[in-house]
Amino acid sequence: MASQLVLSLKRHKSVYDSKIKLLSPAKINLYLNITGKYPGGYRSIESIVERISLFDEISIHLKKSPEIKICSNYNKLQTEDNLCIKAFELFKKEFNIPYGCFIFLKKNIPIGSGLGGGSSNAASTLIGLNLILRLGLSNNELYQFGAKLGSDVNFFLADSKFALISGRGEKVEPLEIHNKFKHFIIWPGINVSTKKVYDNTRVKLTKFFNNVNMLKYSLKKKDAFLIKKNIYNALEGSAFSVSKKLENAKRILSKNKIFTKLTGSGGAFYTMFSKMSLDNLRNILPKDWSIFEVKTF
């Protein structure tokens, strides 16, 4: 995984002043079901996730000073709550790291889109620090830190294009699916509250719905009919009831005969086996929507 994500690495003898630059990929949920509740209101999930070629970029520069600073092309991310900073703080405390760092986050993955950008940023930060500090942590050891940062973080720590995730999202089972798929990510610029979407989803409506094995089989066979039949998102209806703008965006897509599914809690959509081109989509969809052509990564 490191070889795929690392764009550059420069280690300094004194450790501080070392630098690393990494890709931070997005994901889509091909299947997402709510299977129960944990104490405190957290939901247990079952999801098949695909890593895709839409990337943020993260640069980490270790500093002698203990301060941790972050800069981004998106100003709202320059806060102490940024998951990149929280990831560094976890390592700093666990391994008594005396150094600080400067992090630059180039954001390309839309925020609040259900594409996992924040979780991916946290995972890439952990991976980068593991390399630059020569900690030698295994994936299983990294998972312990990832579980403390967010529900999708461990998926991005796994060296897998596809995985079945469960629990709160911290349990990861890599899947042996070697096919690659092309998608269009369609982002209508609508932010949806993940908490509201989950709170609005009733577990009893979805707990008996289970097509995970059929979807795994169809992905391995690259069977377009079965894949489109079995992809599923238990949060989609809830997201539409929370955001009528998002529901209207889905209506526009359906009116133009574009088969899409919402990823995560929204509000980005993805296509499967679309015969349209990027230019076609840009011509027929609203001009202020963002459209990305991606593939399995």
Protein backbone atom coordinates (compact mmCIF):
# COMPACT_ATOMS: atom_id res chain seq x y z
CA MET A 1 0.00 0.00 0.00
CA ALA A 2 2.78 2.39 0.88
CA SER A 3 4.28 2.13 -2.60
CA GLN A 4 0.94 3.02 -4.15
CA LEU A 5 0.29 6.02 -1.94
CA VAL A 6 3.73 7.53 -1.41
CA LEU A 7 4.59 10.25 -3.94
CA SER A 8 7.86 11.27 -2.31
CA LEU A 9 9.85 10.47 0.82
CA LYS A 10 12.91 12.23 2.20
CA ARG A 11 14.29 11.06 5.53
CA HIS A 12 16.74 13.22 7.47
CA LYS A 13 19.37 11.76 9.81
CA SER A 14 18.05 13.81 12.69
CA VAL A 15 14.48 12.60 11.90
CA TYR A 16 13.06 16.11 12.16
CA ASP A 17 13.11 17.90 8.82
CA SER A 18 12.08 14.60 7.18
CA LYS A 19 9.30 14.90 4.60
CA ILE A 20 6.73 12.66 2.99
CA LYS A 21 3.96 13.28 0.45
CA LEU A 22 1.10 10.83 -0.01
CA LEU A 23 -2.11 10.28 -1.91
CA SER A 24 -5.31 9.98 0.08
CA PRO A 25 -7.96 8.09 -1.96
CA ALA A 26 -11.75 8.22 -1.79
CA LYS A 27 -14.19 5.30 -1.51
CA ILE A 28 -17.70 4.33 -2.51
CA ASN A 29 -20.11 1.99 -0.73
CA LEU A 30 -21.37 -0.66 -3.12
CA TYR A 31 -23.43 -2.15 -0.33
CA LEU A 32 -24.38 -0.57 2.99
CA ASN A 33 -26.76 -2.09 5.49
CA ILE A 34 -27.61 -1.19 9.08
CA THR A 35 -27.53 -4.35 11.19
CA GLY A 36 -28.12 -3.09 14.73
CA LYS A 37 -27.29 -0.58 17.44
CA TYR A 38 -24.52 -0.15 19.99
CA PRO A 39 -25.00 1.50 23.40
CA GLY A 40 -24.79 5.26 22.98
CA GLY A 41 -26.71 5.30 19.73
CA TYR A 42 -23.97 4.08 17.38
CA ARG A 43 -25.12 1.86 14.52
CA SER A 44 -23.53 -1.41 13.49
CA ILE A 45 -23.08 -1.71 9.75
CA GLU A 46 -22.21 -4.19 7.03
CA SER A 47 -20.71 -2.68 3.89
CA ILE A 48 -18.77 -3.59 0.77
CA VAL A 49 -16.43 -0.71 0.01
CA GLU A 50 -14.42 0.08 -3.12
CA ARG A 51 -11.36 2.35 -3.15
CA ILE A 52 -11.35 4.74 -6.11
CA SER A 53 -8.93 7.01 -7.97
CA LEU A 54 -10.10 10.35 -6.61
CA PHE A 55 -7.38 11.70 -4.34
CA ASP A 56 -6.49 14.33 -1.79
CA GLU A 57 -2.77 14.93 -1.29
CA ILE A 58 -1.07 15.15 2.11
CA SER A 59 2.43 16.50 2.77
CA ILE A 60 4.01 15.99 6.20
CA HIS A 61 7.16 17.86 7.25
CA LEU A 62 8.54 16.93 10.67
CA LYS A 63 9.74 19.89 12.75
CA LYS A 64 11.99 20.15 15.80
CA SER A 65 9.39 22.32 17.49
CA PRO A 66 6.62 20.24 19.19
CA GLU A 67 3.84 22.27 17.53
CA ILE A 68 1.47 20.64 15.05
CA LYS A 69 0.21 22.91 12.29
CA ILE A 70 -2.00 22.29 9.28
CA CYS A 71 -2.60 24.31 6.14
CA SER A 72 -5.08 23.52 3.39
CA ASN A 73 -6.52 24.89 0.17
CA TYR A 74 -9.83 24.61 2.04
CA ASN A 75 -9.64 27.06 4.94
CA LYS A 76 -12.31 25.38 7.09
CA LEU A 77 -10.04 22.35 7.50
CA GLN A 78 -7.30 24.36 9.23
CA THR A 79 -8.47 23.48 12.75
CA GLU A 80 -7.38 21.31 15.67
CA ASP A 81 -10.31 19.01 14.91
CA ASN A 82 -8.79 17.96 11.58
CA LEU A 83 -8.26 14.20 11.59
CA CYS A 84 -4.71 14.59 10.25
CA ILE A 85 -3.79 16.47 13.44
CA LYS A 86 -5.64 13.96 15.63
CA ALA A 87 -3.76 11.11 13.92
CA PHE A 88 -0.40 12.78 14.64
CA GLU A 89 -1.44 13.47 18.25
CA LEU A 90 -2.26 9.77 18.77
CA PHE A 91 1.23 8.72 17.64
CA LYS A 92 2.89 11.58 19.51
CA LYS A 93 1.31 10.44 22.78
CA GLU A 94 1.73 6.69 22.23
CA PHE A 95 5.39 6.79 21.14
CA ASN A 96 6.56 9.88 23.06
CA ILE A 97 7.48 11.66 19.83
CA PRO A 98 9.24 14.94 20.69
CA TYR A 99 8.75 16.47 17.25
CA GLY A 100 5.94 18.49 15.80
CA CYS A 101 5.02 18.79 12.16
CA PHE A 102 3.62 20.94 9.41
CA ILE A 103 0.89 19.26 7.37
CA PHE A 104 -0.38 20.55 4.04
CA LEU A 105 -3.66 19.05 2.87
CA LYS A 106 -4.63 19.57 -0.76
CA LYS A 107 -8.34 18.80 -0.83
CA ASN A 108 -9.91 17.38 -4.00
CA ILE A 109 -12.48 14.99 -2.50
CA PRO A 110 -15.70 16.94 -1.83
CA ILE A 111 -16.38 17.47 1.87
CA GLY A 112 -19.59 15.95 3.23
CA SER A 113 -20.03 13.77 0.17
CA GLY A 114 -19.95 10.26 1.68
CA LEU A 115 -16.69 9.56 -0.18
CA GLY A 116 -14.66 9.12 3.01
CA GLY A 117 -12.22 11.98 2.51
CA GLY A 118 -11.65 12.78 6.18
CA SER A 119 -11.15 9.14 7.14
CA SER A 120 -8.78 8.66 4.22
CA ASN A 121 -6.77 11.72 5.30
CA ALA A 122 -6.39 10.23 8.78
CA ALA A 123 -5.30 6.86 7.38
CA SER A 124 -2.75 8.38 4.99
CA THR A 125 -1.34 10.45 7.85
CA LEU A 126 -0.89 7.31 9.96
CA ILE A 127 0.73 5.49 7.04
CA GLY A 128 3.05 8.41 6.33
CA LEU A 129 4.13 8.76 9.96
CA ASN A 130 4.68 5.03 10.26
CA LEU A 131 7.11 5.26 7.34
CA ILE A 132 8.85 8.51 8.11
CA LEU A 133 9.36 7.65 11.81
CA ARG A 134 10.33 4.04 11.00
CA LEU A 135 7.84 2.69 13.55
CA GLY A 136 7.38 -0.58 11.66
CA LEU A 137 3.73 -0.99 12.63
CA SER A 138 1.73 -3.74 10.91
CA ASN A 139 -1.75 -3.15 9.47
CA ASN A 140 -3.30 -4.82 12.53
CA GLU A 141 -1.37 -2.48 14.82
CA LEU A 142 -2.38 0.54 12.74
CA TYR A 143 -6.03 -0.58 12.97
CA GLN A 144 -5.95 0.06 16.72
CA PHE A 145 -5.21 3.71 16.05
CA GLY A 146 -7.58 3.94 13.09
CA ALA A 147 -10.52 2.68 15.16
CA LYS A 148 -10.06 5.66 17.49
CA LEU A 149 -10.23 8.17 14.64
CA GLY A 150 -13.27 7.23 12.56
CA SER A 151 -15.43 4.46 11.17
CA ASP A 152 -13.87 4.28 7.68
CA VAL A 153 -10.23 4.83 8.65
CA ASN A 154 -9.32 1.15 8.88
CA PHE A 155 -10.58 0.46 5.37
CA PHE A 156 -8.07 2.99 4.04
CA LEU A 157 -5.33 1.38 6.14
CA ALA A 158 -6.01 -2.00 4.54
CA ASP A 159 -4.12 -2.89 1.38
CA SER A 160 -7.26 -3.77 -0.55
CA LYS A 161 -9.24 -2.41 -3.47
CA PHE A 162 -12.40 -3.93 -2.00
CA ALA A 163 -13.30 -4.91 1.54
CA LEU A 164 -16.22 -6.00 3.67
CA ILE A 165 -16.43 -3.76 6.71
CA SER A 166 -18.55 -4.31 9.79
CA GLY A 167 -19.05 -3.26 13.40
CA ARG A 168 -18.92 0.54 13.46
CA GLY A 169 -16.79 0.27 10.33
CA GLU A 170 -13.57 -0.58 12.18
CA LYS A 171 -13.62 -4.32 11.30
CA VAL A 172 -12.12 -4.91 7.86
CA GLU A 173 -12.09 -8.07 5.75
CA PRO A 174 -10.17 -7.54 2.47
CA LEU A 175 -11.90 -9.16 -0.51
CA GLU A 176 -10.13 -11.03 -3.31
CA ILE A 177 -11.75 -9.12 -6.15
CA HIS A 178 -9.27 -8.34 -8.91
CA ASN A 179 -11.59 -6.68 -11.42
CA LYS A 180 -11.52 -2.93 -11.90
CA PHE A 181 -14.56 -0.77 -12.58
CA LYS A 182 -15.07 2.67 -14.06
CA HIS A 183 -17.40 5.10 -12.33
CA PHE A 184 -18.55 8.67 -12.58
CA ILE A 185 -18.81 10.41 -9.23
CA ILE A 186 -21.57 13.02 -9.38
CA TRP A 187 -21.50 15.61 -6.63
CA PRO A 188 -24.43 18.07 -6.68
CA GLY A 189 -22.76 20.19 -3.99
CA ILE A 190 -25.28 19.21 -1.31
CA ASN A 191 -24.01 18.63 2.24
CA VAL A 192 -26.00 16.21 4.36
CA SER A 193 -25.63 15.63 8.10
CA THR A 194 -24.38 12.07 8.62
CA LYS A 195 -25.83 12.02 12.14
CA LYS A 196 -29.28 13.10 10.94
CA VAL A 197 -29.27 10.46 8.20
CA TYR A 198 -28.32 7.67 10.61
CA ASP A 199 -30.75 8.90 13.27
CA ASN A 200 -33.51 8.88 10.67
CA THR A 201 -32.81 5.28 9.60
CA ARG A 202 -34.81 2.55 11.32
CA VAL A 203 -32.85 -0.67 11.77
CA LYS A 204 -35.91 -2.89 11.61
CA LEU A 205 -36.53 -1.89 7.99
CA THR A 206 -33.22 -3.27 6.80
CA LYS A 207 -31.96 -5.94 9.17
CA PHE A 208 -33.27 -8.87 7.11
CA PHE A 209 -31.91 -7.56 3.82
CA ASN A 210 -28.73 -9.44 2.91
CA ASN A 211 -27.24 -9.65 -0.58
CA VAL A 212 -23.57 -9.40 0.42
CA ASN A 213 -22.56 -12.82 -0.89
CA MET A 214 -24.37 -12.33 -4.18
CA LEU A 215 -22.70 -8.96 -4.66
CA LYS A 216 -19.25 -10.38 -3.89
CA TYR A 217 -19.88 -13.13 -6.47
CA SER A 218 -21.09 -10.68 -9.13
CA LEU A 219 -18.11 -8.34 -8.57
CA LYS A 220 -15.72 -11.26 -9.05
CA LYS A 221 -17.53 -12.25 -12.26
CA LYS A 222 -17.96 -8.62 -13.37
CA ASP A 223 -21.61 -9.41 -14.04
CA ALA A 224 -23.19 -6.04 -14.78
CA PHE A 225 -26.79 -7.22 -14.38
CA LEU A 226 -26.21 -8.84 -10.99
CA ILE A 227 -24.06 -5.97 -9.70
CA LYS A 228 -26.69 -3.36 -10.55
CA LYS A 229 -29.37 -5.58 -9.03
CA ASN A 230 -27.53 -6.13 -5.76
CA ILE A 231 -25.82 -2.81 -4.93
CA TYR A 232 -27.70 -1.33 -2.02
CA ASN A 233 -27.64 1.56 0.43
CA ALA A 234 -29.93 1.40 3.43
CA LEU A 235 -29.26 5.10 4.08
CA GLU A 236 -30.47 6.39 0.73
CA GLY A 237 -34.15 6.78 1.62
CA SER A 238 -33.26 8.43 4.92
CA ALA A 239 -30.86 10.83 3.20
CA PHE A 240 -33.59 11.87 0.76
CA SER A 241 -36.07 12.48 3.58
CA VAL A 242 -33.46 14.58 5.43
CA SER A 243 -32.55 16.57 2.31
CA LYS A 244 -35.20 17.28 -0.31
CA LYS A 245 -32.50 18.94 -2.44
CA LEU A 246 -30.67 15.62 -2.57
CA GLU A 247 -33.88 13.81 -3.44
CA ASN A 248 -34.42 16.28 -6.27
CA ALA A 249 -30.87 15.64 -7.52
CA LYS A 250 -31.68 11.91 -7.69
CA ARG A 251 -34.85 12.79 -9.62
CA ILE A 252 -32.80 14.75 -12.16
CA LEU A 253 -30.42 11.78 -12.60
CA SER A 254 -33.30 9.34 -13.04
CA LYS A 255 -35.07 11.64 -15.49
CA ASN A 256 -31.92 11.61 -17.64
CA LYS A 257 -31.81 7.78 -17.37
CA ILE A 258 -28.54 7.80 -15.42
CA PHE A 259 -28.35 4.78 -13.10
CA THR A 260 -26.78 5.94 -9.84
CA LYS A 261 -26.57 5.02 -6.20
CA LEU A 262 -25.81 7.25 -3.22
CA THR A 263 -22.55 6.51 -1.42
CA GLY A 264 -22.45 6.48 2.37
CA SER A 265 -24.84 8.97 3.93
CA GLY A 266 -24.49 11.24 0.88
CA GLY A 267 -24.50 13.44 -0.90
CA ALA A 268 -22.37 12.10 -3.82
CA PHE A 269 -23.73 9.58 -6.31
CA TYR A 270 -21.80 7.04 -8.37
CA THR A 271 -22.60 5.29 -11.64
CA MET A 272 -22.14 1.65 -12.60
CA PHE A 273 -21.54 0.56 -16.20
CA SER A 274 -22.55 3.91 -17.63
CA LYS A 275 -22.31 4.17 -21.43
CA MET A 276 -22.17 7.95 -21.27
CA SER A 277 -19.00 10.01 -21.56
CA LEU A 278 -17.84 12.70 -19.18
CA ASP A 279 -18.79 15.32 -21.79
CA ASN A 280 -22.28 13.82 -22.12
CA LEU A 281 -22.86 14.10 -18.40
CA ARG A 282 -21.56 17.64 -18.22
CA ASN A 283 -23.88 18.67 -21.05
CA ILE A 284 -27.06 17.26 -19.53
CA LEU A 285 -26.53 17.85 -15.81
CA PRO A 286 -26.58 21.20 -13.97
CA LYS A 287 -23.44 23.23 -14.62
CA ASP A 288 -22.69 23.74 -10.93
CA TRP A 289 -22.47 20.00 -10.26
CA SER A 290 -19.03 18.39 -10.01
CA ILE A 291 -18.39 15.21 -12.01
CA PHE A 292 -15.30 13.02 -11.67
CA GLU A 293 -14.34 10.08 -13.86
CA VAL A 294 -12.67 7.46 -11.65
CA LYS A 295 -11.79 3.77 -11.52
CA THR A 296 -11.04 1.14 -8.91
CA PHE A 297 -7.75 1.90 -7.20
